[in-house]
């Protein structure tokens, strides 16, 4: 879904911390910010206003 090389370099735009891939949900997750960024057509959408807030 996301190239491993790219995934190692992507960071959360809100916290500048690494993101983890949630393949089942098709999202990049920032545990530090409590946000999940969507991946649309294989492209990460790293906009805070497009992110989903994680529950709990």
PDB file of N, CA and C in Angstrom:
ATOM      1  N   UNK A   1       0.830  -1.193   0.000  1.00  0.00           N
ATOM      2  CA  UNK A   1       0.000   0.000   0.000  1.00  0.00           C
ATOM      3  C   UNK A   1       0.874   1.257   0.000  1.00  0.00           C
ATOM      4  N   UNK A   2       1.770   1.370   0.978  1.00  0.00           N
ATOM      5  CA  UNK A   2       2.710   2.495   1.053  1.00  0.00           C
ATOM      6  C   UNK A   2       4.123   1.909   0.984  1.00  0.00           C
ATOM      7  N   UNK A   3       4.943   2.513   0.175  1.00  0.00           N
ATOM      8  CA  UNK A   3       6.332   2.073   0.050  1.00  0.00           C
ATOM      9  C   UNK A   3       7.013   2.152   1.429  1.00  0.00           C
ATOM     10  N   UNK A   4       7.673   1.085   1.864  1.00  0.00           N
ATOM     11  CA  UNK A   4       8.339   1.091   3.176  1.00  0.00           C
ATOM     12  C   UNK A   4       9.347   2.229   3.338  1.00  0.00           C
ATOM     13  N   UNK A   5      10.061   2.573   2.271  1.00  0.00           N
ATOM     14  CA  UNK A   5      11.023   3.674   2.307  1.00  0.00           C
ATOM     15  C   UNK A   5      10.317   4.980   2.651  1.00  0.00           C
ATOM     16  N   UNK A   6       9.163   5.207   2.017  1.00  0.00           N
ATOM     17  CA  UNK A   6       8.394   6.422   2.262  1.00  0.00           C
ATOM     18  C   UNK A   6       7.814   6.416   3.674  1.00  0.00           C
ATOM     19  N   UNK A   7       7.285   5.296   4.092  1.00  0.00           N
ATOM     20  CA  UNK A   7       6.674   5.189   5.416  1.00  0.00           C
ATOM     21  C   UNK A   7       7.668   5.534   6.528  1.00  0.00           C
ATOM     22  N   UNK A   8       8.920   5.152   6.345  1.00  0.00           N
ATOM     23  CA  UNK A   8       9.949   5.471   7.348  1.00  0.00           C
ATOM     24  C   UNK A   8      10.194   6.966   7.470  1.00  0.00           C
ATOM     25  N   UNK A   9       9.860   7.723   6.452  1.00  0.00           N
ATOM     26  CA  UNK A   9      10.153   9.150   6.421  1.00  0.00           C
ATOM     27  C   UNK A   9       8.953  10.049   6.737  1.00  0.00           C
ATOM     28  N   UNK A  10       7.761   9.489   6.675  1.00  0.00           N
ATOM     29  CA  UNK A  10       6.563  10.286   6.936  1.00  0.00           C
ATOM     30  C   UNK A  10       6.402  10.562   8.425  1.00  0.00           C
ATOM     31  N   UNK A  11       6.012  11.786   8.741  1.00  0.00           N
ATOM     32  CA  UNK A  11       5.755  12.166  10.135  1.00  0.00           C
ATOM     33  C   UNK A  11       4.413  12.881  10.210  1.00  0.00           C
ATOM     34  N   UNK A  12       3.857  12.905  11.406  1.00  0.00           N
ATOM     35  CA  UNK A  12       2.604  13.605  11.650  1.00  0.00           C
ATOM     36  C   UNK A  12       2.844  15.110  11.484  1.00  0.00           C
ATOM     37  N   UNK A  13       2.013  15.790  10.724  1.00  0.00           N
ATOM     38  CA  UNK A  13       2.205  17.233  10.557  1.00  0.00           C
ATOM     39  C   UNK A  13       1.916  18.024  11.834  1.00  0.00           C
ATOM     40  N   UNK A  14       1.156  17.456  12.749  1.00  0.00           N
ATOM     41  CA  UNK A  14       0.826  18.155  13.993  1.00  0.00           C
ATOM     42  C   UNK A  14       1.923  18.009  15.046  1.00  0.00           C
ATOM     43  N   UNK A  15       2.527  16.819  15.149  1.00  0.00           N
ATOM     44  CA  UNK A  15       3.482  16.549  16.231  1.00  0.00           C
ATOM     45  C   UNK A  15       4.906  16.275  15.749  1.00  0.00           C
ATOM     46  N   UNK A  16       5.069  16.059  14.448  1.00  0.00           N
ATOM     47  CA  UNK A  16       6.372  15.710  13.845  1.00  0.00           C
ATOM     48  C   UNK A  16       6.909  14.379  14.377  1.00  0.00           C
ATOM     49  N   UNK A  17       6.018  13.486  14.806  1.00  0.00           N
ATOM     50  CA  UNK A  17       6.401  12.156  15.279  1.00  0.00           C
ATOM     51  C   UNK A  17       6.100  11.133  14.180  1.00  0.00           C
ATOM     52  N   UNK A  18       6.769   9.971  14.218  1.00  0.00           N
ATOM     53  CA  UNK A  18       6.537   8.950  13.186  1.00  0.00           C
ATOM     54  C   UNK A  18       5.091   8.471  13.159  1.00  0.00           C
ATOM     55  N   UNK A  19       4.689   8.028  11.991  1.00  0.00           N
ATOM     56  CA  UNK A  19       3.352   7.471  11.789  1.00  0.00           C
ATOM     57  C   UNK A  19       3.461   5.961  11.651  1.00  0.00           C
ATOM     58  N   UNK A  20       2.391   5.277  12.010  1.00  0.00           N
ATOM     59  CA  UNK A  20       2.355   3.824  11.787  1.00  0.00           C
ATOM     60  C   UNK A  20       1.207   3.527  10.827  1.00  0.00           C
ATOM     61  N   UNK A  21       1.403   2.520  10.030  1.00  0.00           N
ATOM     62  CA  UNK A  21       0.422   2.134   9.026  1.00  0.00           C
ATOM     63  C   UNK A  21      -0.600   1.176   9.619  1.00  0.00           C
ATOM     64  N   UNK A  22      -1.867   1.511   9.463  1.00  0.00           N
ATOM     65  CA  UNK A  22      -2.967   0.609   9.808  1.00  0.00           C
ATOM     66  C   UNK A  22      -3.554   0.155   8.477  1.00  0.00           C
ATOM     67  N   UNK A  23      -3.053  -0.968   7.979  1.00  0.00           N
ATOM     68  CA  UNK A  23      -3.455  -1.449   6.651  1.00  0.00           C
ATOM     69  C   UNK A  23      -4.931  -1.791   6.595  1.00  0.00           C
ATOM     70  N   UNK A  24      -5.467  -2.363   7.665  1.00  0.00           N
ATOM     71  CA  UNK A  24      -6.873  -2.765   7.677  1.00  0.00           C
ATOM     72  C   UNK A  24      -7.800  -1.561   7.495  1.00  0.00           C
ATOM     73  N   UNK A  25      -7.446  -0.444   8.124  1.00  0.00           N
ATOM     74  CA  UNK A  25      -8.277   0.755   8.035  1.00  0.00           C
ATOM     75  C   UNK A  25      -7.869   1.651   6.869  1.00  0.00           C
ATOM     76  N   UNK A  26      -6.702   1.403   6.287  1.00  0.00           N
ATOM     77  CA  UNK A  26      -6.218   2.252   5.197  1.00  0.00           C
ATOM     78  C   UNK A  26      -5.874   3.645   5.686  1.00  0.00           C
ATOM     79  N   UNK A  27      -5.170   3.691   6.835  1.00  0.00           N
ATOM     80  CA  UNK A  27      -4.837   4.966   7.454  1.00  0.00           C
ATOM     81  C   UNK A  27      -3.410   4.960   7.976  1.00  0.00           C
ATOM     82  N   UNK A  28      -2.870   6.153   8.138  1.00  0.00           N
ATOM     83  CA  UNK A  28      -1.615   6.347   8.842  1.00  0.00           C
ATOM     84  C   UNK A  28      -1.973   6.947  10.193  1.00  0.00           C
ATOM     85  N   UNK A  29      -1.499   6.319  11.258  1.00  0.00           N
ATOM     86  CA  UNK A  29      -1.917   6.694  12.605  1.00  0.00           C
ATOM     87  C   UNK A  29      -0.791   7.409  13.341  1.00  0.00           C
ATOM     88  N   UNK A  30      -1.170   8.525  13.967  1.00  0.00           N
ATOM     89  CA  UNK A  30      -0.274   9.244  14.866  1.00  0.00           C
ATOM     90  C   UNK A  30      -0.777   9.001  16.279  1.00  0.00           C
ATOM     91  N   UNK A  31      -0.085   8.129  17.009  1.00  0.00           N
ATOM     92  CA  UNK A  31      -0.477   7.848  18.386  1.00  0.00           C
ATOM     93  C   UNK A  31      -0.266   9.078  19.268  1.00  0.00           C
ATOM     94  N   UNK A  32       0.761   9.853  18.972  1.00  0.00           N
ATOM     95  CA  UNK A  32       1.064  11.041  19.773  1.00  0.00           C
ATOM     96  C   UNK A  32      -0.040  12.087  19.663  1.00  0.00           C
ATOM     97  N   UNK A  33      -0.596  12.256  18.471  1.00  0.00           N
ATOM     98  CA  UNK A  33      -1.642  13.263  18.260  1.00  0.00           C
ATOM     99  C   UNK A  33      -3.041  12.693  18.433  1.00  0.00           C
ATOM    100  N   UNK A  34      -3.158  11.361  18.416  1.00  0.00           N
ATOM    101  CA  UNK A  34      -4.481  10.746  18.492  1.00  0.00           C
ATOM    102  C   UNK A  34      -5.282  10.958  17.215  1.00  0.00           C
ATOM    103  N   UNK A  35      -4.563  10.955  16.089  1.00  0.00           N
ATOM    104  CA  UNK A  35      -5.198  11.181  14.789  1.00  0.00           C
ATOM    105  C   UNK A  35      -4.865  10.058  13.817  1.00  0.00           C
ATOM    106  N   UNK A  36      -5.790   9.832  12.878  1.00  0.00           N
ATOM    107  CA  UNK A  36      -5.577   8.865  11.804  1.00  0.00           C
ATOM    108  C   UNK A  36      -5.770   9.588  10.478  1.00  0.00           C
ATOM    109  N   UNK A  37      -4.734   9.568   9.661  1.00  0.00           N
ATOM    110  CA  UNK A  37      -4.758  10.244   8.367  1.00  0.00           C
ATOM    111  C   UNK A  37      -5.155   9.242   7.285  1.00  0.00           C
ATOM    112  N   UNK A  38      -6.096   9.611   6.419  1.00  0.00           N
ATOM    113  CA  UNK A  38      -6.541   8.672   5.386  1.00  0.00           C
ATOM    114  C   UNK A  38      -5.500   8.482   4.285  1.00  0.00           C
ATOM    115  N   UNK A  39      -5.596   7.334   3.640  1.00  0.00           N
ATOM    116  CA  UNK A  39      -4.811   7.069   2.438  1.00  0.00           C
ATOM    117  C   UNK A  39      -5.832   6.906   1.316  1.00  0.00           C
ATOM    118  N   UNK A  40      -5.772   7.798   0.341  1.00  0.00           N
ATOM    119  CA  UNK A  40      -6.735   7.777  -0.759  1.00  0.00           C
ATOM    120  C   UNK A  40      -6.021   7.462  -2.068  1.00  0.00           C
ATOM    121  N   UNK A  41      -6.439   6.404  -2.711  1.00  0.00           N
ATOM    122  CA  UNK A  41      -5.829   5.971  -3.978  1.00  0.00           C
ATOM    123  C   UNK A  41      -4.320   5.811  -3.840  1.00  0.00           C
ATOM    124  N   UNK A  42      -3.877   5.308  -2.675  1.00  0.00           N
ATOM    125  CA  UNK A  42      -2.461   5.063  -2.444  1.00  0.00           C
ATOM    126  C   UNK A  42      -1.668   6.283  -2.030  1.00  0.00           C
ATOM    127  N   UNK A  43      -2.349   7.424  -1.843  1.00  0.00           N
ATOM    128  CA  UNK A  43      -1.671   8.667  -1.488  1.00  0.00           C
ATOM    129  C   UNK A  43      -2.063   9.084  -0.073  1.00  0.00           C
ATOM    130  N   UNK A  44      -1.089   9.249   0.828  1.00  0.00           N
ATOM    131  CA  UNK A  44      -1.407   9.701   2.186  1.00  0.00           C
ATOM    132  C   UNK A  44      -1.888  11.155   2.164  1.00  0.00           C
ATOM    133  N   UNK A  45      -2.976  11.417   2.852  1.00  0.00           N
ATOM    134  CA  UNK A  45      -3.512  12.774   2.959  1.00  0.00           C
ATOM    135  C   UNK A  45      -3.121  13.284   4.348  1.00  0.00           C
ATOM    136  N   UNK A  46      -2.003  14.001   4.409  1.00  0.00           N
ATOM    137  CA  UNK A  46      -1.453  14.426   5.687  1.00  0.00           C
ATOM    138  C   UNK A  46      -1.873  15.857   6.017  1.00  0.00           C
ATOM    139  N   UNK A  47      -3.165  16.057   6.084  1.00  0.00           N
ATOM    140  CA  UNK A  47      -3.744  17.334   6.479  1.00  0.00           C
ATOM    141  C   UNK A  47      -4.504  17.116   7.774  1.00  0.00           C
ATOM    142  N   UNK A  48      -4.211  17.919   8.790  1.00  0.00           N
ATOM    143  CA  UNK A  48      -4.859  17.744  10.091  1.00  0.00           C
ATOM    144  C   UNK A  48      -6.361  17.844   9.959  1.00  0.00           C
ATOM    145  N   UNK A  49      -6.851  18.741   9.107  1.00  0.00           N
ATOM    146  CA  UNK A  49      -8.306  18.899   8.950  1.00  0.00           C
ATOM    147  C   UNK A  49      -8.981  17.699   8.257  1.00  0.00           C
ATOM    148  N   UNK A  50      -8.194  16.839   7.615  1.00  0.00           N
ATOM    149  CA  UNK A  50      -8.725  15.634   6.984  1.00  0.00           C
ATOM    150  C   UNK A  50      -8.607  14.408   7.888  1.00  0.00           C
ATOM    151  N   UNK A  51      -7.877  14.529   8.994  1.00  0.00           N
ATOM    152  CA  UNK A  51      -7.622  13.398   9.880  1.00  0.00           C
ATOM    153  C   UNK A  51      -8.843  13.070  10.736  1.00  0.00           C
ATOM    154  N   UNK A  52      -8.923  11.814  11.106  1.00  0.00           N
ATOM    155  CA  UNK A  52      -9.978  11.331  11.992  1.00  0.00           C
ATOM    156  C   UNK A  52      -9.403  11.242  13.398  1.00  0.00           C
ATOM    157  N   UNK A  53     -10.184  11.713  14.389  1.00  0.00           N
ATOM    158  CA  UNK A  53      -9.745  11.616  15.781  1.00  0.00           C
ATOM    159  C   UNK A  53      -9.937  10.181  16.257  1.00  0.00           C
ATOM    160  N   UNK A  54      -8.903   9.649  16.908  1.00  0.00           N
ATOM    161  CA  UNK A  54      -8.985   8.278  17.421  1.00  0.00           C
ATOM    162  C   UNK A  54      -9.828   8.246  18.689  1.00  0.00           C
ATOM    163  N   UNK A  55     -10.658   7.245  18.789  1.00  0.00           N
ATOM    164  CA  UNK A  55     -11.502   7.072  19.981  1.00  0.00           C
ATOM    165  C   UNK A  55     -10.688   6.438  21.102  1.00  0.00           C
ATOM    166  N   UNK A  56     -10.936   6.906  22.317  1.00  0.00           N
ATOM    167  CA  UNK A  56     -10.333   6.296  23.505  1.00  0.00           C
ATOM    168  C   UNK A  56      -8.917   6.542  23.615  1.00  0.00           C
TER     169      UNK A  56
END
